Amino acid sequence: MSIFYVSVDGTGVPMTPEELEGRTGKQEDGSAKTREVKLGCVFTQQTTDEKGHPLRDFDSTTYLCGFDCAQDFGPLIRAEALRRGMALAGTVVLLGDGAHWIWEIARTCFDFAVQIVDFFMPVNT
C-alpha cells in the first residue's frame, strides 16, 4: 500500500452524575458534565481522483475508541495500525486537530509519520 493514515480525535460524552464523581471539568465550579472519549481510525489510500485528490481505499477503515487516557490510547491506536499493515506502507500520515495530547501520541507512537493538523482553534487565554 502506498499511504497509510492514522486519524485521532476526542470528544465529550455526556455522563450521569455518578459517572462523573471525582472528575474535574470545564464548568464554572470546576465540575464536569462529560468525559472525553478518544477516537481513532486507520485507513489506506492508493489512488487519487481526476483532480489528484486522495481517495480512501474502499472498505479500508477500522475504528478504535475508549475512555483511556492519552498515554494509554496512543499504544492502542499504534497496535491497530501495526495490525493493519502500517509497517508495509510507503508513507504514514497522522491526522489530528491542535490538541496537545494528540501531538504527544504523534511524538511517542508515530514520530516517523507525516503529521498534518486537520483543524486548529486556539483557546483564549
PDB file of N, CA and C in Angstrom:
ATOM      1  N   MET A   1       0.842  -1.180   0.000  1.00  0.00           N
ATOM      2  CA  MET A   1       0.000   0.000   0.000  1.00  0.00           C
ATOM      3  C   MET A   1       0.881   1.235   0.000  1.00  0.00           C
ATOM      4  N   SER A   2       0.423   2.308  -0.581  1.00  0.00           N
ATOM      5  CA  SER A   2       1.293   3.469  -0.687  1.00  0.00           C
ATOM      6  C   SER A   2       1.172   4.430   0.488  1.00  0.00           C
ATOM      7  N   ILE A   3      -0.038   4.799   0.908  1.00  0.00           N
ATOM      8  CA  ILE A   3      -0.195   5.744   2.023  1.00  0.00           C
ATOM      9  C   ILE A   3      -1.113   5.131   3.074  1.00  0.00           C
ATOM     10  N   PHE A   4      -0.652   5.197   4.314  1.00  0.00           N
ATOM     11  CA  PHE A   4      -1.395   4.650   5.452  1.00  0.00           C
ATOM     12  C   PHE A   4      -1.712   5.818   6.384  1.00  0.00           C
ATOM     13  N   TYR A   5      -2.978   6.006   6.703  1.00  0.00           N
ATOM     14  CA  TYR A   5      -3.405   7.132   7.532  1.00  0.00           C
ATOM     15  C   TYR A   5      -3.821   6.667   8.925  1.00  0.00           C
ATOM     16  N   VAL A   6      -3.480   7.483   9.908  1.00  0.00           N
ATOM     17  CA  VAL A   6      -3.948   7.314  11.277  1.00  0.00           C
ATOM     18  C   VAL A   6      -4.573   8.652  11.664  1.00  0.00           C
ATOM     19  N   SER A   7      -5.825   8.625  12.091  1.00  0.00           N
ATOM     20  CA  SER A   7      -6.522   9.838  12.498  1.00  0.00           C
ATOM     21  C   SER A   7      -6.956   9.693  13.952  1.00  0.00           C
ATOM     22  N   VAL A   8      -6.708  10.732  14.751  1.00  0.00           N
ATOM     23  CA  VAL A   8      -7.009  10.683  16.180  1.00  0.00           C
ATOM     24  C   VAL A   8      -7.760  11.951  16.577  1.00  0.00           C
ATOM     25  N   ASP A   9      -8.770  11.784  17.445  1.00  0.00           N
ATOM     26  CA  ASP A   9      -9.531  12.925  17.937  1.00  0.00           C
ATOM     27  C   ASP A   9     -10.158  12.544  19.271  1.00  0.00           C
ATOM     28  N   GLY A  10     -10.835  13.473  19.869  1.00  0.00           N
ATOM     29  CA  GLY A  10     -11.554  13.226  21.113  1.00  0.00           C
ATOM     30  C   GLY A  10     -12.797  14.084  21.146  1.00  0.00           C
ATOM     31  N   THR A  11     -13.780  13.639  21.922  1.00  0.00           N
ATOM     32  CA  THR A  11     -14.996  14.429  22.084  1.00  0.00           C
ATOM     33  C   THR A  11     -15.604  14.138  23.444  1.00  0.00           C
ATOM     34  N   GLY A  12     -16.367  15.084  23.951  1.00  0.00           N
ATOM     35  CA  GLY A  12     -17.022  14.916  25.238  1.00  0.00           C
ATOM     36  C   GLY A  12     -18.303  14.106  25.105  1.00  0.00           C
ATOM     37  N   VAL A  13     -18.479  13.177  26.021  1.00  0.00           N
ATOM     38  CA  VAL A  13     -19.674  12.334  26.048  1.00  0.00           C
ATOM     39  C   VAL A  13     -20.435  12.630  27.338  1.00  0.00           C
ATOM     40  N   PRO A  14     -21.706  13.046  27.247  1.00  0.00           N
ATOM     41  CA  PRO A  14     -22.490  13.324  28.458  1.00  0.00           C
ATOM     42  C   PRO A  14     -22.576  12.078  29.341  1.00  0.00           C
ATOM     43  N   MET A  15     -22.470  12.307  30.645  1.00  0.00           N
ATOM     44  CA  MET A  15     -22.489  11.215  31.617  1.00  0.00           C
ATOM     45  C   MET A  15     -23.436  11.555  32.767  1.00  0.00           C
ATOM     46  N   THR A  16     -23.842  10.533  33.485  1.00  0.00           N
ATOM     47  CA  THR A  16     -24.656  10.741  34.686  1.00  0.00           C
ATOM     48  C   THR A  16     -23.759  11.266  35.798  1.00  0.00           C
ATOM     49  N   PRO A  17     -24.339  11.954  36.781  1.00  0.00           N
ATOM     50  CA  PRO A  17     -23.531  12.488  37.886  1.00  0.00           C
ATOM     51  C   PRO A  17     -22.694  11.411  38.584  1.00  0.00           C
ATOM     52  N   GLU A  18     -23.238  10.219  38.725  1.00  0.00           N
ATOM     53  CA  GLU A  18     -22.494   9.147  39.385  1.00  0.00           C
ATOM     54  C   GLU A  18     -21.214   8.798  38.624  1.00  0.00           C
ATOM     55  N   GLU A  19     -21.283   8.833  37.301  1.00  0.00           N
ATOM     56  CA  GLU A  19     -20.121   8.501  36.478  1.00  0.00           C
ATOM     57  C   GLU A  19     -19.069   9.603  36.480  1.00  0.00           C
ATOM     58  N   LEU A  20     -19.450  10.792  36.964  1.00  0.00           N
ATOM     59  CA  LEU A  20     -18.544  11.938  36.954  1.00  0.00           C
ATOM     60  C   LEU A  20     -17.964  12.265  38.326  1.00  0.00           C
ATOM     61  N   GLU A  21     -18.333  11.499  39.328  1.00  0.00           N
ATOM     62  CA  GLU A  21     -17.835  11.760  40.682  1.00  0.00           C
ATOM     63  C   GLU A  21     -16.315  11.791  40.704  1.00  0.00           C
ATOM     64  N   GLY A  22     -15.775  12.857  41.312  1.00  0.00           N
ATOM     65  CA  GLY A  22     -14.333  12.988  41.446  1.00  0.00           C
ATOM     66  C   GLY A  22     -13.613  13.501  40.213  1.00  0.00           C
ATOM     67  N   ARG A  23     -14.348  13.831  39.163  1.00  0.00           N
ATOM     68  CA  ARG A  23     -13.718  14.326  37.932  1.00  0.00           C
ATOM     69  C   ARG A  23     -13.851  15.840  37.849  1.00  0.00           C
ATOM     70  N   THR A  24     -12.770  16.488  37.487  1.00  0.00           N
ATOM     71  CA  THR A  24     -12.835  17.933  37.282  1.00  0.00           C
ATOM     72  C   THR A  24     -13.309  18.195  35.858  1.00  0.00           C
ATOM     73  N   GLY A  25     -13.884  19.367  35.664  1.00  0.00           N
ATOM     74  CA  GLY A  25     -14.429  19.696  34.354  1.00  0.00           C
ATOM     75  C   GLY A  25     -14.296  21.165  34.030  1.00  0.00           C
ATOM     76  N   LYS A  26     -15.017  21.593  33.019  1.00  0.00           N
ATOM     77  CA  LYS A  26     -14.913  22.951  32.495  1.00  0.00           C
ATOM     78  C   LYS A  26     -16.004  23.887  32.999  1.00  0.00           C
ATOM     79  N   GLN A  27     -16.881  23.403  33.883  1.00  0.00           N
ATOM     80  CA  GLN A  27     -17.935  24.264  34.410  1.00  0.00           C
ATOM     81  C   GLN A  27     -17.315  25.319  35.332  1.00  0.00           C
ATOM     82  N   GLU A  28     -18.031  26.416  35.560  1.00  0.00           N
ATOM     83  CA  GLU A  28     -17.506  27.490  36.408  1.00  0.00           C
ATOM     84  C   GLU A  28     -17.095  26.997  37.788  1.00  0.00           C
ATOM     85  N   ASP A  29     -17.825  26.019  38.313  1.00  0.00           N
ATOM     86  CA  ASP A  29     -17.490  25.480  39.638  1.00  0.00           C
ATOM     87  C   ASP A  29     -16.460  24.354  39.592  1.00  0.00           C
ATOM     88  N   GLY A  30     -15.931  24.075  38.395  1.00  0.00           N
ATOM     89  CA  GLY A  30     -14.919  23.033  38.251  1.00  0.00           C
ATOM     90  C   GLY A  30     -15.478  21.640  38.043  1.00  0.00           C
ATOM     91  N   SER A  31     -16.813  21.526  38.019  1.00  0.00           N
ATOM     92  CA  SER A  31     -17.426  20.211  37.836  1.00  0.00           C
ATOM     93  C   SER A  31     -17.453  19.829  36.357  1.00  0.00           C
ATOM     94  N   ALA A  32     -17.698  18.563  36.127  1.00  0.00           N
ATOM     95  CA  ALA A  32     -17.743  18.042  34.756  1.00  0.00           C
ATOM     96  C   ALA A  32     -19.155  17.604  34.403  1.00  0.00           C
ATOM     97  N   LYS A  33     -19.511  17.757  33.149  1.00  0.00           N
ATOM     98  CA  LYS A  33     -20.768  17.221  32.613  1.00  0.00           C
ATOM     99  C   LYS A  33     -20.504  16.083  31.636  1.00  0.00           C
ATOM    100  N   THR A  34     -19.253  15.976  31.185  1.00  0.00           N
ATOM    101  CA  THR A  34     -18.891  14.978  30.179  1.00  0.00           C
ATOM    102  C   THR A  34     -17.570  14.308  30.553  1.00  0.00           C
ATOM    103  N   ARG A  35     -17.289  13.226  29.866  1.00  0.00           N
ATOM    104  CA  ARG A  35     -15.960  12.599  29.876  1.00  0.00           C
ATOM    105  C   ARG A  35     -15.484  12.571  28.434  1.00  0.00           C
ATOM    106  N   GLU A  36     -14.185  12.697  28.263  1.00  0.00           N
ATOM    107  CA  GLU A  36     -13.653  12.668  26.905  1.00  0.00           C
ATOM    108  C   GLU A  36     -13.409  11.230  26.461  1.00  0.00           C
ATOM    109  N   VAL A  37     -13.965  10.899  25.317  1.00  0.00           N
ATOM    110  CA  VAL A  37     -13.691   9.617  24.681  1.00  0.00           C
ATOM    111  C   VAL A  37     -12.673   9.879  23.576  1.00  0.00           C
ATOM    112  N   LYS A  38     -11.656   9.038  23.528  1.00  0.00           N
ATOM    113  CA  LYS A  38     -10.646   9.131  22.473  1.00  0.00           C
ATOM    114  C   LYS A  38     -11.124   8.288  21.296  1.00  0.00           C
ATOM    115  N   LEU A  39     -10.938   8.816  20.090  1.00  0.00           N
ATOM    116  CA  LEU A  39     -11.380   8.154  18.863  1.00  0.00           C
ATOM    117  C   LEU A  39     -10.204   8.063  17.899  1.00  0.00           C
ATOM    118  N   GLY A  40     -10.104   6.947  17.231  1.00  0.00           N
ATOM    119  CA  GLY A  40      -9.054   6.795  16.239  1.00  0.00           C
ATOM    120  C   GLY A  40      -9.543   5.953  15.084  1.00  0.00           C
ATOM    121  N   CYS A  41      -8.998   6.208  13.912  1.00  0.00           N
ATOM    122  CA  CYS A  41      -9.275   5.333  12.776  1.00  0.00           C
ATOM    123  C   CYS A  41      -8.013   5.225  11.946  1.00  0.00           C
ATOM    124  N   VAL A  42      -7.888   4.103  11.283  1.00  0.00           N
ATOM    125  CA  VAL A  42      -6.786   3.890  10.347  1.00  0.00           C
ATOM    126  C   VAL A  42      -7.394   3.507   9.004  1.00  0.00           C
ATOM    127  N   PHE A  43      -6.778   3.986   7.935  1.00  0.00           N
ATOM    128  CA  PHE A  43      -7.263   3.666   6.592  1.00  0.00           C
ATOM    129  C   PHE A  43      -6.127   3.821   5.602  1.00  0.00           C
ATOM    130  N   THR A  44      -6.344   3.331   4.406  1.00  0.00           N
ATOM    131  CA  THR A  44      -5.315   3.373   3.378  1.00  0.00           C
ATOM    132  C   THR A  44      -5.790   4.140   2.157  1.00  0.00           C
ATOM    133  N   GLN A  45      -4.806   4.556   1.343  1.00  0.00           N
ATOM    134  CA  GLN A  45      -5.081   5.272   0.097  1.00  0.00           C
ATOM    135  C   GLN A  45      -4.024   4.890  -0.920  1.00  0.00           C
ATOM    136  N   GLN A  46      -4.480   4.438  -2.077  1.00  0.00           N
ATOM    137  CA  GLN A  46      -3.552   4.079  -3.143  1.00  0.00           C
ATOM    138  C   GLN A  46      -3.813   4.841  -4.436  1.00  0.00           C
ATOM    139  N   THR A  47      -4.963   5.510  -4.521  1.00  0.00           N
ATOM    140  CA  THR A  47      -5.306   6.198  -5.767  1.00  0.00           C
ATOM    141  C   THR A  47      -5.767   7.618  -5.488  1.00  0.00           C
ATOM    142  N   THR A  48      -5.872   8.386  -6.564  1.00  0.00           N
ATOM    143  CA  THR A  48      -6.404   9.750  -6.486  1.00  0.00           C
ATOM    144  C   THR A  48      -7.497   9.892  -7.529  1.00  0.00           C
ATOM    145  N   ASP A  49      -8.313  10.948  -7.362  1.00  0.00           N
ATOM    146  CA  ASP A  49      -9.342  11.204  -8.369  1.00  0.00           C
ATOM    147  C   ASP A  49      -8.720  11.958  -9.545  1.00  0.00           C
ATOM    148  N   GLU A  50      -9.563  12.354 -10.496  1.00  0.00           N
ATOM    149  CA  GLU A  50      -9.068  13.014 -11.703  1.00  0.00           C
ATOM    150  C   GLU A  50      -8.402  14.362 -11.422  1.00  0.00           C
ATOM    151  N   LYS A  51      -8.684  14.962 -10.255  1.00  0.00           N
ATOM    152  CA  LYS A  51      -8.056  16.234  -9.876  1.00  0.00           C
ATOM    153  C   LYS A  51      -6.827  16.028  -8.990  1.00  0.00           C
ATOM    154  N   GLY A  52      -6.493  14.776  -8.718  1.00  0.00           N
ATOM    155  CA  GLY A  52      -5.325  14.496  -7.883  1.00  0.00           C
ATOM    156  C   GLY A  52      -5.607  14.438  -6.398  1.00  0.00           C
ATOM    157  N   HIS A  53      -6.881  14.528  -6.018  1.00  0.00           N
ATOM    158  CA  HIS A  53      -7.245  14.435  -4.602  1.00  0.00           C
ATOM    159  C   HIS A  53      -7.212  12.973  -4.155  1.00  0.00           C
ATOM    160  N   PRO A  54      -6.692  12.717  -2.956  1.00  0.00           N
ATOM    161  CA  PRO A  54      -6.610  11.328  -2.485  1.00  0.00           C
ATOM    162  C   PRO A  54      -7.989  10.702  -2.330  1.00  0.00           C
ATOM    163  N   LEU A  55      -8.074   9.412  -2.660  1.00  0.00           N
ATOM    164  CA  LEU A  55      -9.302   8.639  -2.478  1.00  0.00           C
ATOM    165  C   LEU A  55      -9.034   7.531  -1.468  1.00  0.00           C
ATOM    166  N   ARG A  56      -9.800   7.543  -0.390  1.00  0.00           N
ATOM    167  CA  ARG A  56      -9.667   6.497   0.622  1.00  0.00           C
ATOM    168  C   ARG A  56     -10.022   5.156  -0.016  1.00  0.00           C
ATOM    169  N   ASP A  57      -9.207   4.147   0.247  1.00  0.00           N
ATOM    170  CA  ASP A  57      -9.497   2.819  -0.272  1.00  0.00           C
ATOM    171  C   ASP A  57     -10.818   2.318   0.310  1.00  0.00           C
ATOM    172  N   PHE A  58     -11.666   1.821  -0.573  1.00  0.00           N
ATOM    173  CA  PHE A  58     -12.973   1.325  -0.169  1.00  0.00           C
ATOM    174  C   PHE A  58     -12.820   0.244   0.896  1.00  0.00           C
ATOM    175  N   ASP A  59     -13.613   0.353   1.922  1.00  0.00           N
ATOM    176  CA  ASP A  59     -13.681  -0.670   2.973  1.00  0.00           C
ATOM    177  C   ASP A  59     -12.357  -0.863   3.710  1.00  0.00           C
ATOM    178  N   SER A  60     -11.523   0.189   3.783  1.00  0.00           N
ATOM    179  CA  SER A  60     -10.210   0.045   4.415  1.00  0.00           C
ATOM    180  C   SER A  60     -10.151   0.599   5.836  1.00  0.00           C
ATOM    181  N   THR A  61     -11.224   1.178   6.328  1.00  0.00           N
ATOM    182  CA  THR A  61     -11.174   1.872   7.610  1.00  0.00           C
ATOM    183  C   THR A  61     -11.563   0.965   8.763  1.00  0.00           C
ATOM    184  N   THR A  62     -10.745   1.010   9.815  1.00  0.00           N
ATOM    185  CA  THR A  62     -11.123   0.396  11.090  1.00  0.00           C
ATOM    186  C   THR A  62     -11.064   1.479  12.154  1.00  0.00           C
ATOM    187  N   TYR A  63     -11.847   1.283  13.208  1.00  0.00           N
ATOM    188  CA  TYR A  63     -12.030   2.306  14.240  1.00  0.00           C
ATOM    189  C   TYR A  63     -11.651   1.770  15.606  1.00  0.00           C
ATOM    190  N   LEU A  64     -11.269   2.694  16.471  1.00  0.00           N
ATOM    191  CA  LEU A  64     -10.921   2.375  17.847  1.00  0.00           C
ATOM    192  C   LEU A  64     -11.421   3.525  18.714  1.00  0.00           C
ATOM    193  N   CYS A  65     -11.979   3.217  19.859  1.00  0.00           N
ATOM    194  CA  CYS A  65     -12.391   4.276  20.773  1.00  0.00           C
ATOM    195  C   CYS A  65     -12.294   3.777  22.202  1.00  0.00           C
ATOM    196  N   GLY A  66     -12.208   4.725  23.142  1.00  0.00           N
ATOM    197  CA  GLY A  66     -12.169   4.347  24.540  1.00  0.00           C
ATOM    198  C   GLY A  66     -12.032   5.567  25.432  1.00  0.00           C
ATOM    199  N   PHE A  67     -12.296   5.352  26.702  1.00  0.00           N
ATOM    200  CA  PHE A  67     -12.145   6.407  27.699  1.00  0.00           C
ATOM    201  C   PHE A  67     -10.734   6.409  28.290  1.00  0.00           C
ATOM    202  N   ASP A  68      -9.814   5.746  27.629  1.00  0.00           N
ATOM    203  CA  ASP A  68      -8.431   5.677  28.097  1.00  0.00           C
ATOM    204  C   ASP A  68      -7.819   7.069  28.142  1.00  0.00           C
ATOM    205  N   CYS A  69      -6.813   7.244  28.985  1.00  0.00           N
ATOM    206  CA  CYS A  69      -6.037   8.480  28.938  1.00  0.00           C
ATOM    207  C   CYS A  69      -5.190   8.436  27.663  1.00  0.00           C
ATOM    208  N   ALA A  70      -4.714   9.583  27.241  1.00  0.00           N
ATOM    209  CA  ALA A  70      -3.934   9.653  26.001  1.00  0.00           C
ATOM    210  C   ALA A  70      -2.705   8.760  26.059  1.00  0.00           C
ATOM    211  N   GLN A  71      -2.079   8.696  27.207  1.00  0.00           N
ATOM    212  CA  GLN A  71      -0.876   7.872  27.378  1.00  0.00           C
ATOM    213  C   GLN A  71      -1.165   6.400  27.095  1.00  0.00           C
ATOM    214  N   ASP A  72      -2.374   5.947  27.403  1.00  0.00           N
ATOM    215  CA  ASP A  72      -2.751   4.558  27.136  1.00  0.00           C
ATOM    216  C   ASP A  72      -3.365   4.376  25.748  1.00  0.00           C
ATOM    217  N   PHE A  73      -4.042   5.412  25.242  1.00  0.00           N
ATOM    218  CA  PHE A  73      -4.690   5.298  23.933  1.00  0.00           C
ATOM    219  C   PHE A  73      -3.672   5.255  22.798  1.00  0.00           C
ATOM    220  N   GLY A  74      -2.587   5.998  22.926  1.00  0.00           N
ATOM    221  CA  GLY A  74      -1.562   6.021  21.883  1.00  0.00           C
ATOM    222  C   GLY A  74      -1.063   4.631  21.502  1.00  0.00           C
ATOM    223  N   PRO A  75      -0.623   3.821  22.465  1.00  0.00           N
ATOM    224  CA  PRO A  75      -0.183   2.472  22.116  1.00  0.00           C
ATOM    225  C   PRO A  75      -1.294   1.605  21.533  1.00  0.00           C
ATOM    226  N   LEU A  76      -2.542   1.853  21.910  1.00  0.00           N
ATOM    227  CA  LEU A  76      -3.655   1.072  21.350  1.00  0.00           C
ATOM    228  C   LEU A  76      -3.850   1.384  19.867  1.00  0.00           C
ATOM    229  N   ILE A  77      -3.813   2.666  19.510  1.00  0.00           N
ATOM    230  CA  ILE A  77      -4.002   3.021  18.099  1.00  0.00           C
ATOM    231  C   ILE A  77      -2.776   2.612  17.287  1.00  0.00           C
ATOM    232  N   ARG A  78      -1.597   2.666  17.890  1.00  0.00           N
ATOM    233  CA  ARG A  78      -0.385   2.184  17.202  1.00  0.00           C
ATOM    234  C   ARG A  78      -0.503   0.673  16.938  1.00  0.00           C
ATOM    235  N   ALA A  79      -0.970  -0.086  17.934  1.00  0.00           N
ATOM    236  CA  ALA A  79      -1.124  -1.537  17.760  1.00  0.00           C
ATOM    237  C   ALA A  79      -2.119  -1.839  16.642  1.00  0.00           C
ATOM    238  N   GLU A  80      -3.210  -1.074  16.576  1.00  0.00           N
ATOM    239  CA  GLU A  80      -4.187  -1.275  15.495  1.00  0.00           C
ATOM    240  C   GLU A  80      -3.548  -0.966  14.145  1.00  0.00           C
ATOM    241  N   ALA A  81      -2.772   0.110  14.081  1.00  0.00           N
ATOM    242  CA  ALA A  81      -2.102   0.466  12.825  1.00  0.00           C
ATOM    243  C   ALA A  81      -1.123  -0.630  12.400  1.00  0.00           C
ATOM    244  N   LEU A  82      -0.386  -1.168  13.332  1.00  0.00           N
ATOM    245  CA  LEU A  82       0.545  -2.256  13.006  1.00  0.00           C
ATOM    246  C   LEU A  82      -0.215  -3.500  12.558  1.00  0.00           C
ATOM    247  N   ARG A  83      -1.310  -3.804  13.246  1.00  0.00           N
ATOM    248  CA  ARG A  83      -2.127  -4.960  12.870  1.00  0.00           C
ATOM    249  C   ARG A  83      -2.631  -4.820  11.436  1.00  0.00           C
ATOM    250  N   ARG A  84      -2.939  -3.573  11.048  1.00  0.00           N
ATOM    251  CA  ARG A  84      -3.490  -3.305   9.724  1.00  0.00           C
ATOM    252  C   ARG A  84      -2.432  -3.181   8.633  1.00  0.00           C
ATOM    253  N   GLY A  85      -1.147  -3.253   8.964  1.00  0.00           N
ATOM    254  CA  GLY A  85      -0.108  -3.233   7.944  1.00  0.00           C
ATOM    255  C   GLY A  85       0.666  -1.945   7.804  1.00  0.00           C
ATOM    256  N   MET A  86       0.661  -1.105   8.816  1.00  0.00           N
ATOM    257  CA  MET A  86       1.379   0.165   8.742  1.00  0.00           C
ATOM    258  C   MET A  86       2.852  -0.033   8.370  1.00  0.00           C
ATOM    259  N   ALA A  87       3.464  -1.113   8.847  1.00  0.00           N
ATOM    260  CA  ALA A  87       4.891  -1.340   8.584  1.00  0.00           C
ATOM    261  C   ALA A  87       5.187  -1.522   7.096  1.00  0.00           C
ATOM    262  N   LEU A  88       4.184  -1.851   6.302  1.00  0.00           N
ATOM    263  CA  LEU A  88       4.378  -2.069   4.864  1.00  0.00           C
ATOM    264  C   LEU A  88       4.129  -0.816   4.033  1.00  0.00           C
ATOM    265  N   ALA A  89       3.676   0.251   4.670  1.00  0.00           N
ATOM    266  CA  ALA A  89       3.297   1.467   3.946  1.00  0.00           C
ATOM    267  C   ALA A  89       4.515   2.230   3.456  1.00  0.00           C
ATOM    268  N   GLY A  90       4.370   2.846   2.296  1.00  0.00           N
ATOM    269  CA  GLY A  90       5.405   3.725   1.787  1.00  0.00           C
ATOM    270  C   GLY A  90       5.469   5.026   2.579  1.00  0.00           C
ATOM    271  N   THR A  91       4.297   5.527   2.964  1.00  0.00           N
ATOM    272  CA  THR A  91       4.181   6.761   3.743  1.00  0.00           C
ATOM    273  C   THR A  91       3.114   6.556   4.803  1.00  0.00           C
ATOM    274  N   VAL A  92       3.385   7.059   6.007  1.00  0.00           N
ATOM    275  CA  VAL A  92       2.396   7.050   7.091  1.00  0.00           C
ATOM    276  C   VAL A  92       2.057   8.499   7.400  1.00  0.00           C
ATOM    277  N   VAL A  93       0.761   8.796   7.490  1.00  0.00           N
ATOM    278  CA  VAL A  93       0.280  10.145   7.783  1.00  0.00           C
ATOM    279  C   VAL A  93      -0.528  10.098   9.064  1.00  0.00           C
ATOM    280  N   LEU A  94      -0.233  11.002   9.996  1.00  0.00           N
ATOM    281  CA  LEU A  94      -1.036  11.146  11.202  1.00  0.00           C
ATOM    282  C   LEU A  94      -1.841  12.431  11.085  1.00  0.00           C
ATOM    283  N   LEU A  95      -3.169  12.313  11.198  1.00  0.00           N
ATOM    284  CA  LEU A  95      -4.076  13.460  11.133  1.00  0.00           C
ATOM    285  C   LEU A  95      -4.628  13.737  12.517  1.00  0.00           C
ATOM    286  N   GLY A  96      -4.660  15.000  12.913  1.00  0.00           N
ATOM    287  CA  GLY A  96      -5.249  15.359  14.197  1.00  0.00           C
ATOM    288  C   GLY A  96      -5.483  16.847  14.277  1.00  0.00           C
ATOM    289  N   ASP A  97      -6.306  17.247  15.261  1.00  0.00           N
ATOM    290  CA  ASP A  97      -6.503  18.678  15.460  1.00  0.00           C
ATOM    291  C   ASP A  97      -5.356  19.214  16.326  1.00  0.00           C
ATOM    292  N   GLY A  98      -5.508  20.394  16.855  1.00  0.00           N
ATOM    293  CA  GLY A  98      -4.419  21.030  17.593  1.00  0.00           C
ATOM    294  C   GLY A  98      -4.275  20.608  19.040  1.00  0.00           C
ATOM    295  N   ALA A  99      -5.001  19.594  19.486  1.00  0.00           N
ATOM    296  CA  ALA A  99      -4.942  19.180  20.888  1.00  0.00           C
ATOM    297  C   ALA A  99      -3.552  18.650  21.243  1.00  0.00           C
ATOM    298  N   HIS A 100      -3.036  19.117  22.356  1.00  0.00           N
ATOM    299  CA  HIS A 100      -1.694  18.727  22.805  1.00  0.00           C
ATOM    300  C   HIS A 100      -1.565  17.213  22.944  1.00  0.00           C
ATOM    301  N   TRP A 101      -2.589  16.551  23.498  1.00  0.00           N
ATOM    302  CA  TRP A 101      -2.478  15.109  23.746  1.00  0.00           C
ATOM    303  C   TRP A 101      -2.318  14.326  22.445  1.00  0.00           C
ATOM    304  N   ILE A 102      -2.898  14.820  21.349  1.00  0.00           N
ATOM    305  CA  ILE A 102      -2.749  14.133  20.060  1.00  0.00           C
ATOM    306  C   ILE A 102      -1.300  14.207  19.590  1.00  0.00           C
ATOM    307  N   TRP A 103      -0.670  15.356  19.754  1.00  0.00           N
ATOM    308  CA  TRP A 103       0.707  15.513  19.272  1.00  0.00           C
ATOM    309  C   TRP A 103       1.693  14.826  20.198  1.00  0.00           C
ATOM    310  N   GLU A 104       1.280  14.570  21.431  1.00  0.00           N
ATOM    311  CA  GLU A 104       2.105  13.728  22.304  1.00  0.00           C
ATOM    312  C   GLU A 104       2.050  12.284  21.815  1.00  0.00           C
ATOM    313  N   ILE A 105       0.863  11.817  21.371  1.00  0.00           N
ATOM    314  CA  ILE A 105       0.768  10.490  20.761  1.00  0.00           C
ATOM    315  C   ILE A 105       1.609  10.454  19.486  1.00  0.00           C
ATOM    316  N   ALA A 106       1.561  11.509  18.695  1.00  0.00           N
ATOM    317  CA  ALA A 106       2.377  11.570  17.476  1.00  0.00           C
ATOM    318  C   ALA A 106       3.854  11.440  17.827  1.00  0.00           C
ATOM    319  N   ARG A 107       4.287  12.148  18.848  1.00  0.00           N
ATOM    320  CA  ARG A 107       5.696  12.137  19.246  1.00  0.00           C
ATOM    321  C   ARG A 107       6.125  10.772  19.760  1.00  0.00           C
ATOM    322  N   THR A 108       5.283  10.139  20.574  1.00  0.00           N
ATOM    323  CA  THR A 108       5.687   8.900  21.226  1.00  0.00           C
ATOM    324  C   THR A 108       5.380   7.638  20.419  1.00  0.00           C
ATOM    325  N   CYS A 109       4.380   7.689  19.545  1.00  0.00           N
ATOM    326  CA  CYS A 109       3.956   6.469  18.835  1.00  0.00           C
ATOM    327  C   CYS A 109       4.084   6.537  17.324  1.00  0.00           C
ATOM    328  N   PHE A 110       4.176   7.759  16.769  1.00  0.00           N
ATOM    329  CA  PHE A 110       4.213   7.907  15.307  1.00  0.00           C
ATOM    330  C   PHE A 110       5.208   8.994  14.902  1.00  0.00           C
ATOM    331  N   ASP A 111       6.382   9.012  15.521  1.00  0.00           N
ATOM    332  CA  ASP A 111       7.342  10.086  15.252  1.00  0.00           C
ATOM    333  C   ASP A 111       7.873  10.063  13.822  1.00  0.00           C
ATOM    334  N   PHE A 112       7.711   8.979  13.116  1.00  0.00           N
ATOM    335  CA  PHE A 112       8.159   8.812  11.732  1.00  0.00           C
ATOM    336  C   PHE A 112       7.106   9.284  10.728  1.00  0.00           C
ATOM    337  N   ALA A 113       5.909   9.587  11.187  1.00  0.00           N
ATOM    338  CA  ALA A 113       4.790   9.908  10.297  1.00  0.00           C
ATOM    339  C   ALA A 113       4.836  11.362   9.832  1.00  0.00           C
ATOM    340  N   VAL A 114       4.274  11.590   8.655  1.00  0.00           N
ATOM    341  CA  VAL A 114       3.979  12.950   8.214  1.00  0.00           C
ATOM    342  C   VAL A 114       2.816  13.408   9.085  1.00  0.00           C
ATOM    343  N   GLN A 115       2.971  14.535   9.766  1.00  0.00           N
ATOM    344  CA  GLN A 115       1.945  14.985  10.707  1.00  0.00           C
ATOM    345  C   GLN A 115       1.187  16.162  10.113  1.00  0.00           C
ATOM    346  N   ILE A 116      -0.144  16.015  10.063  1.00  0.00           N
ATOM    347  CA  ILE A 116      -1.000  17.046   9.468  1.00  0.00           C
ATOM    348  C   ILE A 116      -2.039  17.485  10.482  1.00  0.00           C
ATOM    349  N   VAL A 117      -2.092  18.792  10.745  1.00  0.00           N
ATOM    350  CA  VAL A 117      -3.131  19.355  11.603  1.00  0.00           C
ATOM    351  C   VAL A 117      -4.354  19.573  10.728  1.00  0.00           C
ATOM    352  N   ASP A 118      -5.459  18.870  11.054  1.00  0.00           N
ATOM    353  CA  ASP A 118      -6.655  18.978  10.222  1.00  0.00           C
ATOM    354  C   ASP A 118      -7.512  20.178  10.594  1.00  0.00           C
ATOM    355  N   PHE A 119      -7.408  20.648  11.844  1.00  0.00           N
ATOM    356  CA  PHE A 119      -8.179  21.811  12.267  1.00  0.00           C
ATOM    357  C   PHE A 119      -7.573  22.286  13.569  1.00  0.00           C
ATOM    358  N   PHE A 120      -7.371  23.578  13.689  1.00  0.00           N
ATOM    359  CA  PHE A 120      -6.823  24.113  14.926  1.00  0.00           C
ATOM    360  C   PHE A 120      -7.563  25.375  15.305  1.00  0.00           C
ATOM    361  N   MET A 121      -8.069  25.405  16.515  1.00  0.00           N
ATOM    362  CA  MET A 121      -8.714  26.587  17.046  1.00  0.00           C
ATOM    363  C   MET A 121      -8.041  26.900  18.380  1.00  0.00           C
ATOM    364  N   PRO A 122      -7.264  27.972  18.437  1.00  0.00           N
ATOM    365  CA  PRO A 122      -6.583  28.274  19.691  1.00  0.00           C
ATOM    366  C   PRO A 122      -7.594  28.598  20.798  1.00  0.00           C
ATOM    367  N   VAL A 123      -7.235  28.217  22.005  1.00  0.00           N
ATOM    368  CA  VAL A 123      -8.072  28.504  23.171  1.00  0.00           C
ATOM    369  C   VAL A 123      -7.710  29.892  23.675  1.00  0.00           C
ATOM    370  N   ASN A 124      -8.736  30.708  23.958  1.00  0.00           N
ATOM    371  CA  ASN A 124      -8.482  32.030  24.511  1.00  0.00           C
ATOM    372  C   ASN A 124      -7.859  31.908  25.893  1.00  0.00           C
ATOM    373  N   THR A 125      -6.797  32.649  26.129  1.00  0.00           N
ATOM    374  CA  THR A 125      -6.162  32.604  27.445  1.00  0.00           C
ATOM    375  C   THR A 125      -6.256  33.931  28.141  1.00  0.00           C
TER     376      THR A 125
END
